[in-house]
Amino acid sequence: MDVLVGLLFGILIQQVLCQYGMVHVVSEKGHSNPKDYCILFNSQWAHLPYDLSKAALLPLEDQTPSVLCSASDVPRGGFINKIPMIMRGNCTFYEKVRLAQLNGAKGLIIVSRERLVPPAGNTSQYEEIDIPVALLSYGDMLEIYKVFGKSVKVALYAPNEPVLDYNMVIIFLMAVGTVAFGGYWAGSRDVKRRYMKHKRDDSAEKHEDETLDVTPIMICMFVLMCCSMLVLLYYLYDHLVYVIIAIFCLAASIGLYSCLYPFVRRLPFGSCRIPDNNLPYFHKRPQVRMLVLAAFCISVSVIWGVFRNEDQWAWVLQDTLGIAFCLYMLKTIRLPTFKACTLLLVVLFIYDIFFVFITPYLTESGESIMVEVAAGPADSSTHEKLPMVLKVPRLNASPLALCDRPFSLLGFGDVLVPGLLVVYCHRFDIQVQSSRIYFVACTVGAYCCSAVLVNEKLIYMSEPQYCRTAS
């Protein structure tokens, strides 16, 4: 029954045009530098100018003690050539903006304590109203008055998103580079393994021989575990997010160690071993340079774990650890047959379709479980984000960067899953002794082209879209 109700709610829920914009705030007394804040608006009420220089800078009328639902809420003298700021609630958006327009307002800002939703109306209401109406978060309202005081002027505008985001280029290069290098490295290790087996030389380091052949049963168990973990994170996010962060730190330090190990062991110094002892692990008498490498990798993970929320530079460490982890997984996990590759891709395709497109009809909020978990629930008390992503800050100023996504993100799954197929193709090239034609075709022809197509789709999705609202 709950599922049917959810489906009906998803079908009946109203769709309105929503777009992110900016409110440019200037102190009338010149106490602080101007600053932009995020707003969400519906351009069906009225369009906002794309350029700040073309936006009217008007006094902001503080009416936040009021919800502007009746004529008694209008101050004496009205809102002539002003932009009133009121609280959300008690009546429809149309009633608020109609009262504001009748009393001379040039725009309306509605402050919301809840998640921002686009102000909805119907066709006749849109035709009647010719002033812009936008929603501002309660936290931003408090900051505006704290920083600028009560005497401020504001301008509402909505600049276009840049056609080319340089951060997306960086993400593209990191992803393709990781897949290509990981696929080449894993295949090269197969060549070395075959050579050592031919020579019947068993003296090679065991570290170089650590591989895991994936079976169909393991693939099914892996997907079931992913489903269970995703659902648990959806309901217990604040409790499990720190467990995921700790696991990431451990796995990433192991991955970084594995990636740096081949280079460090070739150093001409530090090859001496520690003295005999009975301590765990140390009784094997590891080389000093390997102990230094292990300490370095653990330190990098710990530093990221402590300063992970420092947006200015922590993303560099996260990307470094993430790439190292992906490379480690690509050279360790092997899909032995094409059937295993096909099974993995098919079940993960179904997994993505269900948790991204089907679950919005099954949840009370109407949100996708995967999107909610990946972005972090809006009502999370920890405000932590899952670290299994490559992230690059947006290098262009835009409403999307200010409001919703200050970072461009790419999940590890978008690197590892196609990367495993690339590894398989390279191993196949080696087995049939071809000139790496399948490896190059899978990397350049398939992965690169699909990444470009996805980026084009993201550019399209950054344009005004229809959003769900229950208002």
Protein backbone atom coordinates (compact mmCIF):
# COMPACT_ATOMS: atom_id res chain seq x y z
CA MET A 1 0.00 0.00 0.00
CA ASP A 2 2.80 2.42 0.89
CA VAL A 3 4.41 1.72 -2.48
CA LEU A 4 1.15 2.50 -4.32
CA VAL A 5 0.72 5.72 -2.36
CA GLY A 6 4.28 6.69 -3.21
CA LEU A 7 3.70 6.01 -6.89
CA LEU A 8 0.49 8.07 -6.93
CA PHE A 9 2.21 10.90 -5.09
CA GLY A 10 5.04 10.86 -7.62
CA ILE A 11 2.56 11.04 -10.51
CA LEU A 12 0.39 13.78 -9.05
CA ILE A 13 3.19 15.96 -7.70
CA GLN A 14 3.35 19.34 -9.42
CA GLN A 15 6.11 20.17 -11.89
CA VAL A 16 7.36 23.76 -12.11
CA LEU A 17 10.27 25.44 -13.81
CA CYS A 18 13.10 26.13 -11.41
CA GLN A 19 16.39 27.90 -11.85
CA TYR A 20 19.19 29.02 -9.59
CA GLY A 21 20.07 32.70 -9.48
CA MET A 22 21.91 35.21 -7.33
CA VAL A 23 20.97 38.09 -5.11
CA HIS A 24 23.72 40.71 -5.08
CA VAL A 25 23.82 42.44 -1.69
CA VAL A 26 25.40 45.87 -1.15
CA SER A 27 25.54 47.81 2.09
CA GLU A 28 24.09 51.31 1.77
CA LYS A 29 26.65 52.52 4.33
CA GLY A 30 29.57 50.84 2.58
CA HIS A 31 30.60 48.82 5.64
CA SER A 32 31.25 45.55 3.78
CA ASN A 33 32.20 44.37 0.32
CA PRO A 34 29.28 43.28 -1.89
CA LYS A 35 28.47 39.59 -1.86
CA ASP A 36 26.24 37.21 -3.82
CA TYR A 37 23.84 34.74 -2.22
CA CYS A 38 21.91 31.85 -3.73
CA ILE A 39 18.26 32.15 -4.70
CA LEU A 40 15.85 29.73 -6.38
CA PHE A 41 13.27 31.22 -8.71
CA ASN A 42 10.68 30.26 -11.29
CA SER A 43 11.16 32.21 -14.51
CA GLN A 44 7.47 31.70 -15.38
CA TRP A 45 6.69 34.53 -12.95
CA ALA A 46 9.28 36.89 -14.44
CA HIS A 47 12.72 36.52 -15.98
CA LEU A 48 15.85 37.77 -14.26
CA PRO A 49 18.57 39.60 -16.23
CA TYR A 50 21.65 37.56 -17.10
CA ASP A 51 24.06 40.43 -16.40
CA LEU A 52 24.44 42.14 -13.02
CA SER A 53 24.98 45.50 -14.75
CA LYS A 54 21.47 45.23 -16.19
CA ALA A 55 19.83 44.35 -12.86
CA ALA A 56 18.20 47.15 -10.87
CA LEU A 57 19.86 47.78 -7.49
CA LEU A 58 16.95 48.48 -5.13
CA PRO A 59 16.49 48.91 -1.35
CA LEU A 60 15.63 45.74 0.55
CA GLU A 61 12.58 46.10 2.78
CA ASP A 62 12.82 43.83 5.82
CA GLN A 63 9.37 42.32 6.40
CA THR A 64 10.53 38.98 7.82
CA PRO A 65 8.23 39.28 10.87
CA SER A 66 5.41 39.05 8.30
CA VAL A 67 4.29 36.37 5.85
CA LEU A 68 2.45 38.88 3.60
CA CYS A 69 -0.80 36.97 3.30
CA SER A 70 -3.26 39.85 3.81
CA ALA A 71 -3.47 43.60 3.30
CA SER A 72 -2.84 44.13 7.01
CA ASP A 73 0.69 42.78 6.52
CA VAL A 74 1.53 45.61 4.11
CA PRO A 75 3.30 48.55 5.80
CA ARG A 76 2.01 52.09 5.39
CA GLY A 77 3.36 53.47 2.12
CA GLY A 78 3.68 50.04 0.55
CA PHE A 79 6.81 48.81 -1.18
CA ILE A 80 7.28 51.53 -3.81
CA ASN A 81 10.47 50.76 -5.80
CA LYS A 82 11.63 48.30 -3.16
CA ILE A 83 12.13 44.55 -2.85
CA PRO A 84 10.41 43.25 0.29
CA MET A 85 11.77 40.19 2.07
CA ILE A 86 9.15 38.10 3.88
CA MET A 87 8.81 34.69 5.50
CA ARG A 88 7.37 31.66 3.75
CA GLY A 89 4.11 30.06 4.93
CA ASN A 90 0.37 30.49 5.68
CA CYS A 91 -0.66 31.19 2.07
CA THR A 92 0.33 30.51 -1.51
CA PHE A 93 3.21 32.10 -3.37
CA TYR A 94 0.71 33.77 -5.68
CA GLU A 95 -1.07 35.56 -2.83
CA LYS A 96 2.24 36.90 -1.52
CA VAL A 97 3.63 38.12 -4.82
CA ARG A 98 0.26 39.60 -5.86
CA LEU A 99 0.10 41.72 -2.69
CA ALA A 100 3.70 42.80 -3.21
CA GLN A 101 3.07 43.82 -6.83
CA LEU A 102 -0.14 45.71 -5.99
CA ASN A 103 1.80 47.74 -3.44
CA GLY A 104 4.59 48.82 -5.78
CA ALA A 105 7.26 46.16 -5.18
CA LYS A 106 9.80 45.50 -7.94
CA GLY A 107 10.49 42.00 -6.75
CA LEU A 108 9.88 39.66 -3.82
CA ILE A 109 12.26 37.55 -1.75
CA ILE A 110 10.69 34.78 0.34
CA VAL A 111 12.79 33.36 3.18
CA SER A 112 12.42 29.64 3.80
CA ARG A 113 13.51 27.68 6.85
CA GLU A 114 13.02 24.46 4.88
CA ARG A 115 14.60 23.14 1.69
CA LEU A 116 14.24 25.63 -1.14
CA VAL A 117 11.51 24.77 -3.65
CA PRO A 118 10.57 26.75 -6.76
CA PRO A 119 7.58 29.10 -6.21
CA ALA A 120 4.69 27.50 -8.07
CA GLY A 121 1.58 28.93 -9.70
CA ASN A 122 -0.71 28.37 -12.67
CA THR A 123 -0.81 29.87 -16.14
CA SER A 124 -3.26 32.69 -15.35
CA GLN A 125 -1.26 33.65 -12.26
CA TYR A 126 1.98 33.72 -14.25
CA GLU A 127 0.36 36.05 -16.79
CA GLU A 128 -0.89 38.41 -14.06
CA ILE A 129 2.45 38.78 -12.27
CA ASP A 130 5.34 40.67 -13.84
CA ILE A 131 7.80 40.97 -10.94
CA PRO A 132 10.37 38.30 -10.04
CA VAL A 133 9.87 36.15 -6.95
CA ALA A 134 12.69 34.11 -5.43
CA LEU A 135 13.36 31.95 -2.39
CA LEU A 136 16.30 32.58 -0.06
CA SER A 137 17.47 30.28 2.71
CA TYR A 138 16.97 31.34 6.32
CA GLY A 139 20.68 30.93 7.03
CA ASP A 140 21.61 33.33 4.21
CA MET A 141 19.08 35.85 5.51
CA LEU A 142 20.72 35.79 8.94
CA GLU A 143 24.15 36.21 7.39
CA ILE A 144 23.03 39.16 5.27
CA TYR A 145 21.80 41.07 8.30
CA LYS A 146 24.83 40.06 10.36
CA VAL A 147 27.32 41.19 7.73
CA PHE A 148 25.52 44.12 6.09
CA GLY A 149 23.02 45.28 8.69
CA LYS A 150 19.48 46.37 7.90
CA SER A 151 20.30 49.09 5.36
CA VAL A 152 21.10 47.18 2.20
CA LYS A 153 20.36 47.25 -1.50
CA VAL A 154 19.93 44.13 -3.58
CA ALA A 155 19.88 43.14 -7.24
CA LEU A 156 18.39 39.91 -8.55
CA TYR A 157 20.05 38.28 -11.55
CA ALA A 158 20.72 34.86 -13.05
CA PRO A 159 23.92 34.57 -15.11
CA ASN A 160 24.18 31.75 -17.59
CA GLU A 161 26.25 28.70 -16.78
CA PRO A 162 29.54 28.63 -18.73
CA VAL A 163 29.53 26.37 -21.77
CA LEU A 164 32.90 24.86 -20.83
CA ASP A 165 33.72 24.12 -17.21
CA TYR A 166 37.46 23.74 -16.83
CA ASN A 167 36.87 21.66 -13.72
CA MET A 168 35.04 19.13 -15.90
CA VAL A 169 38.10 18.94 -18.13
CA ILE A 170 40.23 18.16 -15.07
CA ILE A 171 37.76 15.49 -13.93
CA PHE A 172 37.78 14.01 -17.45
CA LEU A 173 41.58 13.84 -17.55
CA MET A 174 41.77 12.27 -14.10
CA ALA A 175 39.16 9.64 -14.93
CA VAL A 176 40.54 8.71 -18.35
CA GLY A 177 44.12 8.79 -17.05
CA THR A 178 43.24 6.49 -14.16
CA VAL A 179 41.39 4.02 -16.38
CA ALA A 180 44.11 4.01 -19.06
CA PHE A 181 47.05 3.76 -16.65
CA GLY A 182 45.29 1.20 -14.44
CA GLY A 183 44.39 -0.93 -17.45
CA TYR A 184 47.91 -0.76 -18.86
CA TRP A 185 49.52 -1.48 -15.47
CA ALA A 186 47.33 -4.49 -14.77
CA GLY A 187 48.00 -5.93 -18.23
CA SER A 188 51.73 -5.36 -17.88
CA ARG A 189 51.71 -7.28 -14.62
CA ASP A 190 50.16 -10.21 -16.50
CA VAL A 191 53.05 -10.08 -18.97
CA LYS A 192 55.54 -10.18 -16.12
CA ARG A 193 53.66 -12.99 -14.40
CA ARG A 194 53.69 -15.08 -17.57
CA TYR A 195 57.40 -14.40 -18.00
CA MET A 196 58.24 -15.41 -14.44
CA LYS A 197 56.09 -18.53 -14.77
CA HIS A 198 57.88 -19.45 -17.98
CA LYS A 199 61.23 -19.10 -16.22
CA ARG A 200 59.78 -20.98 -13.23
CA ASP A 201 61.08 -18.24 -10.97
CA ASP A 202 59.11 -18.16 -7.71
CA SER A 203 61.36 -15.61 -6.03
CA ALA A 204 59.31 -12.59 -7.11
CA GLU A 205 57.81 -10.49 -4.40
CA LYS A 206 54.43 -11.80 -3.23
CA HIS A 207 53.28 -8.21 -3.15
CA GLU A 208 53.35 -8.17 -6.95
CA ASP A 209 51.24 -11.33 -7.23
CA GLU A 210 48.22 -10.28 -5.20
CA THR A 211 45.22 -10.67 -7.51
CA LEU A 212 41.60 -11.70 -7.08
CA ASP A 213 39.67 -13.45 -9.85
CA VAL A 214 36.01 -12.47 -9.63
CA THR A 215 33.38 -15.19 -10.02
CA PRO A 216 29.67 -14.72 -10.91
CA ILE A 217 28.70 -15.59 -7.32
CA MET A 218 31.06 -12.90 -6.02
CA ILE A 219 29.53 -10.37 -8.41
CA CYS A 220 26.00 -11.12 -7.18
CA MET A 221 27.11 -10.95 -3.55
CA PHE A 222 28.87 -7.64 -4.22
CA VAL A 223 25.74 -6.07 -5.73
CA LEU A 224 23.58 -7.32 -2.84
CA MET A 225 26.04 -5.77 -0.40
CA CYS A 226 25.92 -2.49 -2.34
CA CYS A 227 22.12 -2.48 -2.20
CA SER A 228 22.09 -3.19 1.53
CA MET A 229 24.72 -0.56 2.31
CA LEU A 230 22.94 2.07 0.21
CA VAL A 231 19.63 1.49 2.00
CA LEU A 232 21.36 1.52 5.40
CA LEU A 233 23.09 4.79 4.55
CA TYR A 234 19.77 6.28 3.45
CA TYR A 235 18.19 5.59 6.84
CA LEU A 236 21.26 5.73 9.12
CA TYR A 237 23.44 8.22 7.29
CA ASP A 238 24.59 10.22 10.30
CA HIS A 239 25.73 7.07 12.10
CA LEU A 240 27.40 5.23 9.21
CA VAL A 241 29.10 8.09 7.38
CA TYR A 242 32.02 8.11 9.82
CA VAL A 243 32.44 4.35 9.40
CA ILE A 244 32.67 4.86 5.62
CA ILE A 245 35.20 7.67 6.09
CA ALA A 246 37.35 5.45 8.31
CA ILE A 247 37.18 2.57 5.81
CA PHE A 248 38.14 4.96 3.02
CA CYS A 249 41.18 6.20 4.96
CA LEU A 250 42.36 2.62 5.53
CA ALA A 251 41.71 1.44 1.95
CA ALA A 252 43.18 4.60 0.40
CA SER A 253 46.39 4.32 2.44
CA ILE A 254 46.77 0.70 1.27
CA GLY A 255 46.14 1.80 -2.31
CA LEU A 256 48.69 4.63 -2.08
CA TYR A 257 51.25 2.21 -0.62
CA SER A 258 50.63 -0.24 -3.43
CA CYS A 259 51.05 2.45 -6.10
CA LEU A 260 54.27 3.87 -4.64
CA TYR A 261 55.79 0.50 -3.74
CA PRO A 262 57.30 -0.23 -7.22
CA PHE A 263 59.05 3.14 -7.23
CA VAL A 264 60.31 3.11 -3.64
CA ARG A 265 61.81 -0.37 -3.89
CA ARG A 266 64.04 0.89 -6.71
CA LEU A 267 65.59 3.59 -4.54
CA PRO A 268 69.32 3.03 -3.99
CA PHE A 269 69.07 3.57 -0.23
CA GLY A 270 67.02 2.35 2.73
CA SER A 271 67.21 -1.32 1.76
CA CYS A 272 68.51 -2.39 5.18
CA ARG A 273 66.10 -4.36 7.34
CA ILE A 274 65.14 -3.83 10.96
CA PRO A 275 66.69 -6.14 13.61
CA ASP A 276 65.12 -9.44 14.69
CA ASN A 277 62.06 -8.97 16.92
CA ASN A 278 58.82 -10.67 17.95
CA LEU A 279 56.46 -7.80 17.15
CA PRO A 280 53.48 -8.38 14.82
CA TYR A 281 54.38 -7.70 11.17
CA PHE A 282 57.84 -6.41 12.20
CA HIS A 283 59.04 -9.95 12.86
CA LYS A 284 59.28 -10.30 9.06
CA ARG A 285 62.02 -7.65 9.18
CA PRO A 286 60.66 -5.25 6.55
CA GLN A 287 63.00 -2.84 4.85
CA VAL A 288 63.38 0.60 6.40
CA ARG A 289 62.30 2.37 3.23
CA MET A 290 59.06 0.35 3.21
CA LEU A 291 58.35 1.34 6.80
CA VAL A 292 58.90 4.99 5.85
CA LEU A 293 56.57 4.55 2.88
CA ALA A 294 53.87 2.96 5.07
CA ALA A 295 54.18 5.81 7.60
CA PHE A 296 53.92 8.36 4.77
CA CYS A 297 50.78 6.76 3.28
CA ILE A 298 49.08 6.51 6.67
CA SER A 299 49.98 10.14 7.40
CA VAL A 300 48.44 11.34 4.14
CA SER A 301 45.19 9.50 4.95
CA VAL A 302 45.13 10.84 8.51
CA ILE A 303 45.76 14.41 7.35
CA TRP A 304 42.90 14.14 4.88
CA GLY A 305 40.66 12.58 7.53
CA VAL A 306 41.30 15.47 9.94
CA PHE A 307 41.04 18.30 7.40
CA ARG A 308 38.58 16.68 4.95
CA ASN A 309 36.15 19.61 5.16
CA GLU A 310 38.73 22.23 4.17
CA ASP A 311 37.32 23.06 0.75
CA GLN A 312 40.34 25.04 -0.43
CA TRP A 313 42.87 22.20 -0.52
CA ALA A 314 41.57 18.95 1.02
CA TRP A 315 40.09 17.93 -2.35
CA VAL A 316 43.65 17.53 -3.69
CA LEU A 317 44.42 14.89 -1.05
CA GLN A 318 41.05 13.21 -1.58
CA ASP A 319 41.65 12.95 -5.33
CA THR A 320 45.19 11.65 -4.78
CA LEU A 321 43.98 8.97 -2.38
CA GLY A 322 41.00 8.17 -4.60
CA ILE A 323 43.10 7.70 -7.73
CA ALA A 324 45.57 5.52 -5.79
CA PHE A 325 42.69 3.41 -4.47
CA CYS A 326 41.20 2.98 -7.97
CA LEU A 327 44.58 1.99 -9.43
CA TYR A 328 45.07 -0.54 -6.65
CA MET A 329 41.65 -2.07 -7.28
CA LEU A 330 42.18 -2.20 -11.05
CA LYS A 331 45.45 -4.07 -10.76
CA THR A 332 44.21 -6.37 -7.99
CA ILE A 333 40.74 -7.40 -9.19
CA ARG A 334 40.49 -9.43 -12.40
CA LEU A 335 37.47 -10.41 -14.45
CA PRO A 336 38.61 -13.78 -15.83
CA THR A 337 36.00 -14.16 -18.57
CA PHE A 338 33.87 -12.00 -20.84
CA LYS A 339 30.82 -13.58 -19.23
CA ALA A 340 31.91 -12.14 -15.89
CA CYS A 341 32.36 -8.70 -17.50
CA THR A 342 28.89 -8.85 -19.02
CA LEU A 343 27.27 -10.01 -15.79
CA LEU A 344 28.95 -7.23 -13.79
CA LEU A 345 27.92 -4.49 -16.21
CA VAL A 346 24.33 -5.75 -16.54
CA VAL A 347 23.62 -6.11 -12.81
CA LEU A 348 25.22 -2.73 -12.04
CA PHE A 349 23.16 -1.16 -14.83
CA ILE A 350 19.97 -2.52 -13.23
CA TYR A 351 21.24 -1.40 -9.82
CA ASP A 352 21.77 2.17 -11.07
CA ILE A 353 18.42 2.33 -12.86
CA PHE A 354 16.54 1.16 -9.78
CA PHE A 355 18.20 3.37 -7.18
CA VAL A 356 18.32 6.49 -9.35
CA PHE A 357 15.05 6.42 -11.31
CA ILE A 358 12.71 4.02 -9.50
CA THR A 359 13.32 4.84 -5.84
CA PRO A 360 11.96 8.44 -6.14
CA TYR A 361 8.52 6.85 -6.47
CA LEU A 362 9.08 4.76 -3.34
CA THR A 363 10.38 7.38 -0.91
CA GLU A 364 8.25 9.89 1.00
CA SER A 365 10.43 12.82 -0.08
CA GLY A 366 10.32 11.84 -3.76
CA GLU A 367 14.11 11.86 -3.87
CA SER A 368 16.36 9.22 -5.38
CA ILE A 369 18.04 7.10 -2.71
CA MET A 370 21.34 7.10 -4.58
CA VAL A 371 21.33 10.85 -5.19
CA GLU A 372 20.32 11.52 -1.59
CA VAL A 373 23.13 9.36 -0.21
CA ALA A 374 25.76 10.60 -2.68
CA ALA A 375 24.97 14.28 -2.07
CA GLY A 376 24.32 13.83 1.65
CA PRO A 377 20.81 14.20 3.10
CA ALA A 378 19.69 17.81 3.42
CA ASP A 379 18.57 17.20 7.02
CA SER A 380 21.84 15.54 8.05
CA SER A 381 23.13 16.85 11.36
CA THR A 382 26.73 16.00 10.48
CA HIS A 383 26.87 17.72 7.05
CA GLU A 384 29.45 15.10 6.08
CA LYS A 385 29.85 13.83 2.52
CA LEU A 386 30.82 10.35 1.40
CA PRO A 387 34.45 10.40 0.19
CA MET A 388 34.21 7.85 -2.65
CA VAL A 389 34.33 10.52 -5.33
CA LEU A 390 36.85 12.48 -7.33
CA LYS A 391 36.08 16.16 -6.79
CA VAL A 392 37.31 19.39 -8.32
CA PRO A 393 36.05 22.85 -7.29
CA ARG A 394 34.21 24.82 -9.94
CA LEU A 395 36.64 27.28 -11.49
CA ASN A 396 33.93 29.52 -12.99
CA ALA A 397 31.59 31.68 -10.92
CA SER A 398 28.03 30.54 -11.55
CA PRO A 399 24.72 30.11 -9.69
CA LEU A 400 25.16 26.34 -9.74
CA ALA A 401 28.52 26.63 -7.99
CA LEU A 402 27.14 29.08 -5.43
CA CYS A 403 23.89 27.28 -4.73
CA ASP A 404 24.02 23.60 -5.24
CA ARG A 405 27.28 22.12 -6.44
CA PRO A 406 30.50 23.98 -5.58
CA PHE A 407 32.40 20.87 -6.70
CA SER A 408 32.21 18.70 -9.79
CA LEU A 409 32.05 15.08 -8.67
CA LEU A 410 32.75 11.71 -10.26
CA GLY A 411 32.05 8.55 -8.28
CA PHE A 412 34.62 5.79 -8.04
CA GLY A 413 32.14 3.43 -9.67
CA ASP A 414 32.34 5.49 -12.88
CA VAL A 415 36.08 4.78 -12.92
CA LEU A 416 36.32 1.26 -11.53
CA VAL A 417 33.52 -0.49 -13.44
CA PRO A 418 34.60 0.58 -16.96
CA GLY A 419 38.20 0.29 -15.79
CA LEU A 420 37.76 -3.40 -15.07
CA LEU A 421 36.52 -3.87 -18.64
CA VAL A 422 39.54 -1.97 -19.96
CA VAL A 423 41.82 -4.23 -17.89
CA TYR A 424 40.10 -7.29 -19.36
CA CYS A 425 40.59 -5.95 -22.90
CA HIS A 426 44.28 -5.33 -22.28
CA ARG A 427 44.73 -8.81 -20.85
CA PHE A 428 42.94 -10.22 -23.90
CA ASP A 429 45.29 -8.27 -26.18
CA ILE A 430 48.24 -9.83 -24.41
CA GLN A 431 46.77 -13.31 -24.57
CA VAL A 432 46.12 -13.18 -28.33
CA GLN A 433 49.31 -11.14 -28.88
CA SER A 434 47.57 -8.27 -30.68
CA SER A 435 48.91 -4.72 -30.83
CA ARG A 436 46.68 -3.58 -27.90
CA ILE A 437 43.86 -2.77 -30.32
CA TYR A 438 41.10 -3.76 -27.89
CA PHE A 439 42.73 -1.84 -25.05
CA VAL A 440 42.97 1.35 -27.11
CA ALA A 441 39.48 0.97 -28.57
CA CYS A 442 37.90 0.37 -25.16
CA THR A 443 39.78 3.26 -23.54
CA VAL A 444 39.62 5.91 -26.26
CA GLY A 445 36.72 4.80 -28.40
CA ALA A 446 34.34 3.75 -25.62
CA TYR A 447 35.26 5.35 -22.31
CA CYS A 448 36.44 8.74 -23.62
CA CYS A 449 33.50 9.14 -25.98
CA SER A 450 30.96 8.17 -23.32
CA ALA A 451 32.56 10.63 -20.88
CA VAL A 452 32.24 13.42 -23.46
CA LEU A 453 28.58 12.53 -24.11
CA VAL A 454 27.83 12.53 -20.38
CA ASN A 455 29.47 15.94 -20.05
CA GLU A 456 27.28 17.28 -22.86
CA LYS A 457 24.23 15.92 -21.03
CA LEU A 458 25.34 17.67 -17.84
CA ILE A 459 25.66 20.94 -19.72
CA TYR A 460 22.10 20.48 -20.95
CA MET A 461 20.89 19.66 -17.45
CA SER A 462 22.45 22.88 -16.07
CA GLU A 463 19.83 24.82 -18.06
CA PRO A 464 16.46 25.60 -16.40
CA GLN A 465 14.68 22.35 -15.62
CA TYR A 466 11.29 21.31 -14.36
CA CYS A 467 11.42 20.41 -10.68
CA ARG A 468 9.03 18.72 -8.31
CA THR A 469 7.22 20.74 -5.71
CA ALA A 470 4.34 19.99 -3.41
CA SER A 471 3.53 23.68 -2.91
